[in-house]
Amino acid sequence: MRVIKAVLALLLIAAAAILVASMLFPLPSIEGRPAETALPAVTEGMLGRMASEGSSANPGKSGVVPIAGGHDAIASRLVLAAAATRSIDAQYYIWHDDTSGRLLLRTLYEASKRGVRVRLLLDDNGVPGLDRTMATLAAQPNFEIRLFNPSTVRRPKMLGYAFDFFRMNRRMHNKSFIVDGVAAIVGGRNVGNEYFKVGDESYYFDLDVLGTGPVVQDTSVAFDRYWNSASVFAADTILDMSAANLAAFLAETDEAAARPEAAEFVTPDAPVYKRLRSGALGLEWVDVKLVVDDPAKGEGKATRDQLMIAQLAKVIGPVSKGLDLVSAYFVPGKAGTAYFDGLAGAGAQVRILTNALETTDVAMVHAGYAKYRRDLLEGGVKLYELRPVEGAPDGDAELNVIGSSGASLHAKTFSVDGDRIFIGSFNFDPRSALLNCEMGFLIDSPAMAQTISGAFDSRIPDDAYTVSLTPQGELSWTANRPGEAPQSFTSDPHSSVVKRALVVVLGWLPIEWML
């Protein structure tokens, strides 16, 4: 009885502390905030001509081209922003204060000085150390910044989780970059050196797609819905605006532009710049559908049919021949495992690539995945786990899905029946399905879909571990290096006993819903 009273007393104290903290650090009111909408698409200039010429020849279709190489990915954004004449609307989960992050912010600032309206929507969880920079930019004409589910405590920012956990546990994982209403980049990349292969550090292999045509209007509508949603607050109502310092921002971004690693992205000689100027982007004009979570998900109020996972099931349609899936963070859960096993049992070829324990950057997520390996394999699913490999493919070669030595997989893409492909921010895990807001393009392109499937036919078996079951029913990892004898492992390769034990323990915890 005494223990129960003590527990109840602690709960009451905790509840009181949460109530007091909520009163001391309230969210600003957004009542009466007028809705803002995207500006009309341009029809003149480089981008306007590129879009109108292709659209007139392909009515109702959208033009798309994959952006696989990290260098092309950052250059594409810089070039599009520099070419903007009317508007830039961008939303990202992570934006780092590094070379690529600073270069892109400076380009957005220069666009705002030209009279371009810039709207930047950032998840507050992914912008550490950027408060002064965001305050500076938010104070400039034509430059607005809003934050998704922000912490009202800025130092330490994570303290906000202590009294507002359920709101702050819902994040905006979307990634889109819309310029002049005619071009949009959507995919898995955040903004940071590791996503663009800038510098000598390890990087993430990822995949974006540049689109134009009707799907850009759909993406703009989705951006407006998030920009005006109840989870989003103007930066100047959250940040300490007295910290704004334009001189410091200009000096810091000048310093970043002078770094040797930035040389390829501050010159008009970059290959992507030449392709944009010439109009020779190699756009494929096909049917493209935007799939996106309703922003009500950020409040925990989305209905089942408003969730992206439910929309995907409808727009993908039946899978008859095969599903090739690449997911950096893969936690299928019981329902997902049953789905993949069901496809394989019905005769479809199901192949999945995710990170190995030695390449993942989130061991907790790997623990959630590891619990389902055996069931997937027994159901007929083919599993591959990315391992560090030699060599560093560049540009279009990176469409082969594997990065270089020291790289981690970050892409979220899948190919269905070799004729349609999804590229976006959605991981096959409970967090993407139920907590984080996500988006992506479903593209009816056999050429793009077969590029992913072709990688499973050729390079992936050579550059990833093939996970299988031995005749004795034990898990086995096999590395097939060309020209060498296969090397097999009986536990997660090149991972310490302590790390493997940690994965097992984490797998016991009731936290799968958060992974």
Protein backbone atom coordinates (compact mmCIF):
# COMPACT_ATOMS: atom_id res chain seq x y z
CA MET A 1 0.00 0.00 0.00
CA ARG A 2 2.84 2.36 0.86
CA VAL A 3 4.48 1.68 -2.52
CA ILE A 4 1.26 2.41 -4.38
CA LYS A 5 0.90 5.72 -2.57
CA ALA A 6 4.47 6.63 -3.41
CA VAL A 7 3.91 5.86 -7.08
CA LEU A 8 0.70 7.90 -7.14
CA ALA A 9 2.49 10.79 -5.48
CA LEU A 10 5.24 10.70 -8.09
CA LEU A 11 2.67 10.63 -10.88
CA LEU A 12 0.89 13.64 -9.41
CA ILE A 13 4.17 15.53 -9.09
CA ALA A 14 5.08 14.69 -12.69
CA ALA A 15 1.65 15.78 -13.94
CA ALA A 16 1.93 19.04 -12.03
CA ALA A 17 5.41 19.67 -13.41
CA ILE A 18 4.18 19.06 -16.96
CA LEU A 19 1.24 21.43 -16.42
CA VAL A 20 3.51 24.17 -15.04
CA ALA A 21 6.01 23.74 -17.87
CA SER A 22 3.23 23.94 -20.45
CA MET A 23 2.08 27.22 -18.90
CA LEU A 24 5.60 28.66 -18.75
CA PHE A 25 6.47 27.68 -22.35
CA PRO A 26 3.22 27.90 -24.36
CA LEU A 27 2.93 27.69 -28.12
CA PRO A 28 2.06 31.01 -29.79
CA SER A 29 -1.50 31.48 -30.97
CA ILE A 30 -2.16 31.05 -34.69
CA GLU A 31 -5.84 31.96 -34.41
CA GLY A 32 -6.84 34.27 -37.25
CA ARG A 33 -3.65 33.64 -39.22
CA PRO A 34 -4.49 34.23 -42.89
CA ALA A 35 -3.89 31.33 -45.25
CA GLU A 36 -1.09 31.75 -47.77
CA THR A 37 -1.02 30.04 -51.14
CA ALA A 38 1.53 29.36 -53.85
CA LEU A 39 2.09 32.07 -56.42
CA PRO A 40 1.04 31.34 -60.04
CA ALA A 41 3.55 29.35 -62.09
CA VAL A 42 5.85 31.33 -64.33
CA THR A 43 5.59 30.99 -68.09
CA GLU A 44 8.70 32.93 -69.11
CA GLY A 45 12.39 32.44 -68.52
CA MET A 46 14.48 29.27 -68.57
CA LEU A 47 12.24 27.24 -66.29
CA GLY A 48 8.97 28.49 -67.78
CA ARG A 49 10.07 27.59 -71.30
CA MET A 50 11.34 24.18 -70.22
CA ALA A 51 8.01 23.31 -68.63
CA SER A 52 5.72 24.74 -71.30
CA GLU A 53 7.53 23.14 -74.23
CA GLY A 54 7.42 19.68 -72.73
CA SER A 55 3.86 20.00 -71.46
CA SER A 56 2.47 21.13 -74.80
CA ALA A 57 3.92 18.06 -76.48
CA ASN A 58 2.73 15.73 -73.70
CA PRO A 59 -0.68 16.93 -72.47
CA GLY A 60 -1.65 15.60 -69.03
CA LYS A 61 1.79 14.07 -68.43
CA SER A 62 4.54 15.15 -66.04
CA GLY A 63 8.19 15.28 -66.98
CA VAL A 64 10.58 13.52 -64.60
CA VAL A 65 14.26 12.69 -64.35
CA PRO A 66 15.95 10.84 -61.46
CA ILE A 67 18.72 12.61 -59.52
CA ALA A 68 20.97 9.89 -58.15
CA GLY A 69 24.42 11.46 -57.76
CA GLY A 70 24.97 13.55 -54.64
CA HIS A 71 26.79 16.26 -56.57
CA ASP A 72 23.97 16.58 -59.08
CA ALA A 73 21.48 16.71 -56.21
CA ILE A 74 23.01 19.77 -54.54
CA ALA A 75 23.82 21.43 -57.88
CA SER A 76 20.23 20.95 -59.07
CA ARG A 77 18.87 22.80 -56.07
CA LEU A 78 21.43 25.59 -56.34
CA VAL A 79 20.83 26.06 -60.06
CA LEU A 80 17.05 26.06 -59.76
CA ALA A 81 17.15 28.55 -56.88
CA ALA A 82 19.51 30.81 -58.82
CA ALA A 83 17.16 30.68 -61.81
CA ALA A 84 14.02 31.47 -59.80
CA THR A 85 12.13 34.62 -60.79
CA ARG A 86 8.96 34.43 -58.70
CA SER A 87 8.88 31.87 -55.87
CA ILE A 88 10.71 29.14 -53.97
CA ASP A 89 8.81 26.87 -51.59
CA ALA A 90 10.94 24.31 -49.74
CA GLN A 91 10.27 21.92 -46.87
CA TYR A 92 12.82 19.65 -45.17
CA TYR A 93 13.23 17.44 -42.15
CA ILE A 94 16.97 18.11 -41.65
CA TRP A 95 18.99 21.17 -42.67
CA HIS A 96 22.60 21.19 -41.49
CA ASP A 97 24.81 24.19 -40.81
CA ASP A 98 27.59 22.89 -43.07
CA THR A 99 28.97 23.66 -46.53
CA SER A 100 25.97 22.50 -48.55
CA GLY A 101 23.46 23.86 -46.03
CA ARG A 102 25.09 27.27 -45.99
CA LEU A 103 25.47 27.43 -49.77
CA LEU A 104 21.80 26.67 -50.30
CA LEU A 105 20.66 29.16 -47.65
CA ARG A 106 22.80 31.86 -49.25
CA THR A 107 21.28 31.08 -52.65
CA LEU A 108 17.78 31.37 -51.17
CA TYR A 109 18.73 34.68 -49.55
CA GLU A 110 20.07 36.03 -52.86
CA ALA A 111 16.82 34.97 -54.54
CA SER A 112 14.81 36.90 -51.94
CA LYS A 113 16.93 39.99 -52.66
CA ARG A 114 15.90 39.69 -56.32
CA GLY A 115 12.25 39.87 -55.25
CA VAL A 116 11.61 36.12 -55.25
CA ARG A 117 9.23 35.06 -52.48
CA VAL A 118 10.93 32.39 -50.39
CA ARG A 119 8.95 30.17 -48.01
CA LEU A 120 11.05 27.70 -46.02
CA LEU A 121 9.28 25.10 -43.88
CA LEU A 122 11.60 23.17 -41.56
CA ASP A 123 11.08 20.47 -39.00
CA ASP A 124 12.33 21.98 -35.74
CA ASN A 125 13.90 18.68 -34.72
CA GLY A 126 16.35 18.76 -37.64
CA VAL A 127 17.88 22.24 -37.45
CA PRO A 128 20.32 22.16 -34.52
CA GLY A 129 22.48 25.26 -34.21
CA LEU A 130 20.50 27.23 -36.79
CA ASP A 131 18.42 29.48 -34.53
CA ARG A 132 20.50 32.61 -35.20
CA THR A 133 20.62 31.92 -38.95
CA MET A 134 16.87 31.28 -39.13
CA ALA A 135 16.18 34.47 -37.15
CA THR A 136 18.40 36.40 -39.55
CA LEU A 137 16.68 35.11 -42.67
CA ALA A 138 13.18 35.40 -41.21
CA ALA A 139 13.89 39.11 -40.63
CA GLN A 140 14.62 39.71 -44.33
CA PRO A 141 12.08 40.96 -46.89
CA ASN A 142 10.52 38.23 -49.08
CA PHE A 143 11.85 35.47 -46.78
CA GLU A 144 9.50 33.55 -44.47
CA ILE A 145 10.42 30.61 -42.26
CA ARG A 146 8.00 28.39 -40.40
CA LEU A 147 8.77 25.53 -38.01
CA PHE A 148 6.92 22.23 -37.72
CA ASN A 149 6.01 21.10 -34.19
CA PRO A 150 8.67 23.35 -32.63
CA SER A 151 10.01 23.21 -29.11
CA THR A 152 9.12 26.32 -27.15
CA VAL A 153 12.25 25.71 -25.06
CA ARG A 154 15.26 26.63 -27.17
CA ARG A 155 18.09 25.71 -24.78
CA PRO A 156 18.17 22.79 -24.35
CA LYS A 157 15.63 22.32 -27.11
CA MET A 158 15.08 18.64 -26.36
CA LEU A 159 13.67 19.63 -22.97
CA GLY A 160 10.42 20.28 -24.79
CA TYR A 161 9.93 16.52 -25.07
CA ALA A 162 9.71 16.30 -21.28
CA PHE A 163 6.34 18.07 -21.15
CA ASP A 164 5.09 17.89 -24.76
CA PHE A 165 6.25 14.46 -25.89
CA PHE A 166 3.28 13.30 -27.93
CA ARG A 167 3.21 16.44 -30.08
CA MET A 168 6.97 16.66 -30.54
CA ASN A 169 7.25 12.95 -31.30
CA ARG A 170 5.39 13.66 -34.55
CA ARG A 171 7.81 15.02 -37.13
CA MET A 172 7.62 16.34 -40.71
CA HIS A 173 9.85 14.01 -42.73
CA ASN A 174 8.75 15.52 -46.09
CA LYS A 175 11.32 16.80 -48.56
CA SER A 176 10.37 19.02 -51.48
CA PHE A 177 11.93 21.95 -53.32
CA ILE A 178 9.54 23.85 -55.62
CA VAL A 179 10.74 26.67 -57.87
CA ASP A 180 8.55 29.14 -59.76
CA GLY A 181 5.66 26.67 -59.64
CA VAL A 182 7.12 24.74 -62.58
CA ALA A 183 9.89 22.51 -61.17
CA ALA A 184 9.95 20.38 -58.03
CA ILE A 185 12.58 18.10 -56.50
CA VAL A 186 11.13 15.40 -54.25
CA GLY A 187 12.87 12.43 -52.71
CA GLY A 188 14.74 11.10 -49.72
CA ARG A 189 17.52 13.65 -49.31
CA ASN A 190 17.72 16.14 -46.49
CA VAL A 191 20.09 19.12 -46.76
CA GLY A 192 23.59 18.37 -45.49
CA ASN A 193 27.01 17.32 -46.71
CA GLU A 194 26.41 13.63 -46.05
CA TYR A 195 23.37 13.65 -48.35
CA PHE A 196 25.21 15.29 -51.25
CA LYS A 197 28.61 13.59 -50.92
CA VAL A 198 30.28 16.91 -50.16
CA GLY A 199 33.69 16.61 -48.50
CA ASP A 200 35.53 13.47 -47.49
CA GLU A 201 33.19 12.16 -44.80
CA SER A 202 30.98 9.10 -45.14
CA TYR A 203 27.77 9.81 -46.98
CA TYR A 204 24.29 8.49 -47.47
CA PHE A 205 23.24 6.99 -50.76
CA ASP A 206 19.90 8.51 -51.64
CA LEU A 207 17.60 9.22 -54.55
CA ASP A 208 15.56 12.25 -55.68
CA VAL A 209 13.48 13.00 -58.73
CA LEU A 210 13.03 16.33 -60.51
CA GLY A 211 9.55 16.83 -61.89
CA THR A 212 7.67 19.36 -63.98
CA GLY A 213 4.12 19.50 -65.31
CA PRO A 214 0.89 18.71 -63.42
CA VAL A 215 2.60 16.96 -60.50
CA VAL A 216 4.29 20.24 -59.56
CA GLN A 217 0.92 21.91 -59.05
CA ASP A 218 -0.10 18.99 -56.83
CA THR A 219 3.13 19.37 -54.84
CA SER A 220 2.50 23.10 -54.42
CA VAL A 221 -1.00 22.42 -53.08
CA ALA A 222 0.46 19.93 -50.60
CA PHE A 223 3.07 22.48 -49.51
CA ASP A 224 0.34 25.07 -48.89
CA ARG A 225 -1.61 22.62 -46.76
CA TYR A 226 1.43 22.04 -44.55
CA TRP A 227 2.42 25.73 -44.50
CA ASN A 228 -1.02 26.66 -43.19
CA SER A 229 -1.47 23.66 -40.89
CA ALA A 230 -2.00 23.80 -37.12
CA SER A 231 1.38 22.12 -36.48
CA VAL A 232 3.32 24.97 -38.10
CA PHE A 233 4.41 28.25 -36.48
CA ALA A 234 6.18 31.31 -37.82
CA ALA A 235 9.85 31.29 -36.86
CA ASP A 236 9.70 34.86 -35.54
CA THR A 237 7.17 33.75 -32.92
CA ILE A 238 9.41 30.91 -31.69
CA LEU A 239 12.98 32.21 -32.03
CA ASP A 240 14.83 35.00 -30.27
CA MET A 241 14.74 37.52 -33.11
CA SER A 242 17.23 39.80 -31.35
CA ALA A 243 19.89 37.24 -32.31
CA ALA A 244 19.49 38.09 -36.03
CA ASN A 245 22.84 39.06 -37.53
CA LEU A 246 22.97 39.52 -41.28
CA ALA A 247 26.68 40.43 -41.32
CA ALA A 248 27.56 37.17 -39.56
CA PHE A 249 25.36 35.17 -41.94
CA LEU A 250 27.00 36.71 -45.00
CA ALA A 251 30.49 36.14 -43.60
CA GLU A 252 29.74 32.51 -42.72
CA THR A 253 28.24 31.72 -46.11
CA ASP A 254 31.12 33.49 -47.91
CA GLU A 255 33.50 31.29 -45.94
CA ALA A 256 31.55 28.17 -46.93
CA ALA A 257 31.59 29.15 -50.61
CA ALA A 258 35.38 29.54 -50.45
CA ARG A 259 35.93 25.98 -49.19
CA PRO A 260 37.58 23.66 -51.74
CA GLU A 261 34.70 21.18 -51.46
CA ALA A 262 32.27 23.86 -52.63
CA ALA A 263 34.08 24.62 -55.88
CA GLU A 264 31.89 22.36 -58.02
CA PHE A 265 28.67 24.01 -56.88
CA VAL A 266 29.45 27.71 -57.16
CA THR A 267 30.40 27.70 -60.83
CA PRO A 268 28.18 27.76 -63.93
CA ASP A 269 30.37 25.00 -65.37
CA ALA A 270 28.60 22.34 -63.28
CA PRO A 271 27.12 19.68 -65.62
CA VAL A 272 23.60 20.07 -64.25
CA TYR A 273 23.74 23.83 -64.91
CA LYS A 274 24.59 23.21 -68.54
CA ARG A 275 21.79 20.67 -68.89
CA LEU A 276 19.24 23.06 -67.39
CA ARG A 277 20.36 25.93 -69.57
CA SER A 278 20.22 23.81 -72.72
CA GLY A 279 16.93 22.18 -71.78
CA ALA A 280 18.58 18.79 -72.32
CA LEU A 281 17.56 17.34 -68.98
CA GLY A 282 16.36 14.12 -70.52
CA LEU A 283 12.87 14.41 -69.02
CA GLU A 284 10.60 11.41 -69.44
CA TRP A 285 6.94 12.43 -69.80
CA VAL A 286 4.72 9.95 -67.98
CA ASP A 287 1.88 9.70 -65.47
CA VAL A 288 3.07 10.79 -62.00
CA LYS A 289 1.02 10.86 -58.82
CA LEU A 290 1.96 12.68 -55.63
CA VAL A 291 1.28 10.59 -52.53
CA VAL A 292 1.40 12.57 -49.28
CA ASP A 293 0.18 12.37 -45.70
CA ASP A 294 -2.54 14.77 -44.63
CA PRO A 295 -0.90 17.39 -42.34
CA ALA A 296 -3.46 16.45 -39.69
CA LYS A 297 -1.07 13.56 -39.01
CA GLY A 298 1.22 16.09 -37.34
CA GLU A 299 -1.49 16.62 -34.72
CA GLY A 300 -2.32 12.95 -34.39
CA LYS A 301 -5.75 13.61 -35.94
CA ALA A 302 -5.43 11.99 -39.36
CA THR A 303 -7.98 9.31 -40.23
CA ARG A 304 -6.88 6.02 -41.78
CA ASP A 305 -7.69 7.15 -45.33
CA GLN A 306 -5.64 10.35 -44.81
CA LEU A 307 -2.49 8.36 -44.10
CA MET A 308 0.03 7.89 -46.88
CA ILE A 309 0.35 4.16 -46.13
CA ALA A 310 -3.35 3.71 -46.97
CA GLN A 311 -3.04 5.83 -50.12
CA LEU A 312 -0.02 3.83 -51.30
CA ALA A 313 -1.93 0.59 -51.05
CA LYS A 314 -4.61 2.04 -53.34
CA VAL A 315 -2.45 3.74 -55.97
CA ILE A 316 0.12 0.95 -56.30
CA GLY A 317 -2.52 -1.56 -57.22
CA PRO A 318 -2.00 -5.32 -57.32
CA VAL A 319 1.51 -6.76 -57.43
CA SER A 320 1.72 -9.71 -59.81
CA LYS A 321 5.31 -10.19 -60.99
CA GLY A 322 7.50 -8.64 -58.34
CA LEU A 323 8.31 -5.98 -55.76
CA ASP A 324 11.86 -4.62 -55.37
CA LEU A 325 12.13 -2.43 -52.28
CA VAL A 326 14.97 -0.26 -50.98
CA SER A 327 14.40 1.10 -47.48
CA ALA A 328 17.14 2.51 -45.27
CA TYR A 329 15.07 1.93 -42.14
CA PHE A 330 12.99 -1.20 -42.54
CA VAL A 331 10.72 -2.43 -39.74
CA PRO A 332 7.88 -4.33 -41.44
CA GLY A 333 6.00 -5.33 -38.29
CA LYS A 334 3.65 -8.29 -38.25
CA ALA A 335 1.27 -6.83 -40.83
CA GLY A 336 4.04 -5.87 -43.24
CA THR A 337 5.74 -9.23 -42.89
CA ALA A 338 2.47 -10.97 -43.66
CA TYR A 339 2.00 -8.73 -46.71
CA PHE A 340 5.45 -9.42 -48.16
CA ASP A 341 5.20 -13.13 -47.38
CA GLY A 342 1.77 -13.19 -49.00
CA LEU A 343 3.13 -11.65 -52.20
CA ALA A 344 5.95 -14.18 -52.31
CA GLY A 345 3.55 -17.03 -51.57
CA ALA A 346 1.36 -15.94 -54.48
CA GLY A 347 4.30 -16.22 -56.87
CA ALA A 348 5.66 -12.66 -56.94
CA GLN A 349 9.38 -12.11 -56.53
CA VAL A 350 9.96 -9.96 -53.45
CA ARG A 351 13.45 -8.52 -52.94
CA ILE A 352 14.36 -6.08 -50.16
CA LEU A 353 17.54 -4.10 -49.52
CA THR A 354 18.17 -2.39 -46.19
CA ASN A 355 21.20 -1.50 -44.09
CA ALA A 356 23.29 -4.14 -42.36
CA LEU A 357 24.05 -3.64 -38.69
CA GLU A 358 27.53 -2.39 -39.59
CA THR A 359 26.22 0.28 -41.97
CA THR A 360 23.08 1.47 -40.20
CA ASP A 361 23.21 4.72 -38.25
CA VAL A 362 20.30 3.72 -35.99
CA ALA A 363 20.89 0.41 -34.19
CA MET A 364 17.48 0.70 -32.49
CA VAL A 365 15.73 0.54 -35.87
CA HIS A 366 17.89 -2.42 -36.89
CA ALA A 367 16.68 -4.18 -33.74
CA GLY A 368 13.10 -3.69 -34.90
CA TYR A 369 13.94 -5.17 -38.31
CA ALA A 370 16.01 -8.09 -37.02
CA LYS A 371 12.99 -9.63 -35.29
CA TYR A 372 11.32 -10.24 -38.66
CA ARG A 373 14.24 -11.55 -40.76
CA ARG A 374 13.48 -15.21 -40.15
CA ASP A 375 9.76 -14.90 -40.90
CA LEU A 376 10.47 -12.99 -44.11
CA LEU A 377 12.99 -15.55 -45.32
CA GLU A 378 10.73 -18.47 -44.44
CA GLY A 379 7.97 -16.74 -46.42
CA GLY A 380 10.10 -16.63 -49.56
CA VAL A 381 11.30 -13.01 -49.41
CA LYS A 382 14.87 -12.36 -50.57
CA LEU A 383 16.80 -10.14 -48.15
CA TYR A 384 19.93 -8.09 -48.81
CA GLU A 385 21.79 -5.90 -46.33
CA LEU A 386 24.12 -3.13 -47.48
CA ARG A 387 27.77 -3.65 -46.58
CA PRO A 388 30.70 -1.24 -47.06
CA VAL A 389 32.02 -1.74 -50.58
CA GLU A 390 35.03 -0.59 -52.51
CA GLY A 391 34.81 2.18 -55.10
CA ALA A 392 32.61 5.24 -55.28
CA PRO A 393 30.21 5.35 -58.23
CA ASP A 394 29.32 8.83 -59.41
CA GLY A 395 26.37 10.42 -61.15
CA ASP A 396 24.00 8.06 -62.92
CA ALA A 397 26.05 5.06 -61.75
CA GLU A 398 24.64 5.66 -58.27
CA LEU A 399 21.23 4.59 -59.56
CA ASN A 400 22.60 1.09 -58.98
CA VAL A 401 21.46 1.69 -55.38
CA ILE A 402 24.80 1.03 -53.69
CA GLY A 403 27.08 3.81 -52.54
CA SER A 404 30.77 3.75 -51.70
CA SER A 405 32.91 2.49 -48.86
CA GLY A 406 31.69 3.98 -45.61
CA ALA A 407 28.30 4.85 -47.09
CA SER A 408 24.95 4.12 -45.46
CA LEU A 409 21.76 3.55 -47.34
CA HIS A 410 19.23 6.37 -46.99
CA ALA A 411 17.09 5.87 -50.10
CA LYS A 412 13.40 5.05 -49.93
CA THR A 413 12.24 3.61 -53.24
CA PHE A 414 10.52 0.59 -54.65
CA SER A 415 9.74 -0.85 -58.06
CA VAL A 416 6.48 -2.71 -58.77
CA ASP A 417 6.20 -5.26 -61.58
CA GLY A 418 9.02 -3.51 -63.41
CA ASP A 419 6.72 -0.77 -64.70
CA ARG A 420 6.18 1.74 -61.89
CA ILE A 421 8.41 3.20 -59.20
CA PHE A 422 8.02 5.15 -55.97
CA ILE A 423 10.62 7.73 -54.93
CA GLY A 424 10.14 9.70 -51.74
CA SER A 425 10.70 10.06 -48.01
CA PHE A 426 8.67 7.05 -46.81
CA ASN A 427 10.49 4.30 -44.94
CA PHE A 428 8.74 0.97 -44.39
CA ASP A 429 8.59 1.33 -40.63
CA PRO A 430 5.95 2.24 -38.02
CA ARG A 431 7.25 5.80 -37.63
CA SER A 432 6.75 6.60 -41.32
CA ALA A 433 3.40 4.83 -41.37
CA LEU A 434 1.86 6.29 -38.23
CA LEU A 435 3.89 9.18 -36.75
CA ASN A 436 6.00 11.13 -39.25
CA CYS A 437 4.51 13.05 -42.17
CA GLU A 438 5.80 11.69 -45.51
CA MET A 439 5.53 12.25 -49.26
CA GLY A 440 6.74 10.92 -52.61
CA PHE A 441 6.06 10.45 -56.32
CA LEU A 442 4.61 7.26 -57.80
CA ILE A 443 5.88 7.23 -61.38
CA ASP A 444 4.61 5.07 -64.24
CA SER A 445 8.00 4.57 -65.84
CA PRO A 446 9.23 1.10 -66.86
CA ALA A 447 12.64 2.62 -67.62
CA MET A 448 13.10 3.99 -64.10
CA ALA A 449 11.49 0.97 -62.43
CA GLN A 450 13.71 -1.46 -64.29
CA THR A 451 16.81 0.48 -63.27
CA ILE A 452 16.06 -0.42 -59.66
CA SER A 453 15.08 -3.99 -60.52
CA GLY A 454 18.18 -4.32 -62.68
CA ALA A 455 20.32 -3.41 -59.68
CA PHE A 456 18.84 -6.36 -57.78
CA ASP A 457 19.68 -8.57 -60.75
CA SER A 458 23.29 -7.43 -60.99
CA ARG A 459 25.10 -5.23 -58.51
CA ILE A 460 23.24 -5.68 -55.24
CA PRO A 461 24.06 -9.41 -54.84
CA ASP A 462 27.74 -8.49 -55.27
CA ASP A 463 27.79 -5.42 -53.02
CA ALA A 464 25.41 -6.41 -50.23
CA TYR A 465 25.17 -9.35 -47.88
CA THR A 466 22.70 -11.97 -49.04
CA VAL A 467 20.79 -13.08 -45.95
CA SER A 468 19.48 -16.64 -46.00
CA LEU A 469 18.63 -19.64 -43.87
CA THR A 470 20.97 -22.62 -43.67
CA PRO A 471 19.60 -26.19 -44.02
CA GLN A 472 19.71 -26.24 -40.22
CA GLY A 473 17.45 -23.19 -40.07
CA GLU A 474 20.14 -20.76 -38.91
CA LEU A 475 20.60 -17.23 -40.29
CA SER A 476 23.56 -16.77 -42.62
CA TRP A 477 25.11 -13.71 -44.29
CA THR A 478 27.07 -14.21 -47.52
CA ALA A 479 29.36 -11.65 -49.17
CA ASN A 480 29.83 -12.35 -52.88
CA ARG A 481 32.74 -10.27 -54.10
CA PRO A 482 33.46 -10.62 -57.83
CA GLY A 483 36.56 -12.72 -58.41
CA GLU A 484 36.67 -13.97 -54.82
CA ALA A 485 35.30 -16.97 -53.00
CA PRO A 486 32.04 -16.25 -51.15
CA GLN A 487 32.50 -15.38 -47.48
CA SER A 488 29.84 -16.49 -45.02
CA PHE A 489 28.98 -15.28 -41.52
CA THR A 490 26.80 -16.83 -38.83
CA SER A 491 25.98 -13.51 -37.12
CA ASP A 492 25.73 -9.85 -38.15
CA PRO A 493 29.06 -9.34 -39.97
CA HIS A 494 31.81 -7.16 -38.55
CA SER A 495 29.71 -6.19 -35.52
CA SER A 496 30.92 -6.63 -31.97
CA VAL A 497 29.34 -9.00 -29.48
CA VAL A 498 28.30 -5.99 -27.42
CA LYS A 499 26.56 -4.33 -30.38
CA ARG A 500 24.77 -7.55 -31.34
CA ALA A 501 23.68 -8.04 -27.72
CA LEU A 502 22.38 -4.47 -27.63
CA VAL A 503 20.26 -5.16 -30.71
CA VAL A 504 18.77 -8.22 -29.03
CA VAL A 505 17.94 -6.29 -25.86
CA LEU A 506 16.44 -3.38 -27.82
CA GLY A 507 14.31 -5.88 -29.69
CA TRP A 508 12.69 -6.93 -26.41
CA LEU A 509 11.53 -3.41 -25.57
CA PRO A 510 7.93 -2.34 -26.42
CA ILE A 511 9.10 0.52 -28.63
CA GLU A 512 8.37 -0.75 -32.14
CA TRP A 513 5.59 1.83 -32.56
CA MET A 514 8.22 4.60 -32.34
CA LEU A 515 10.75 3.08 -34.78
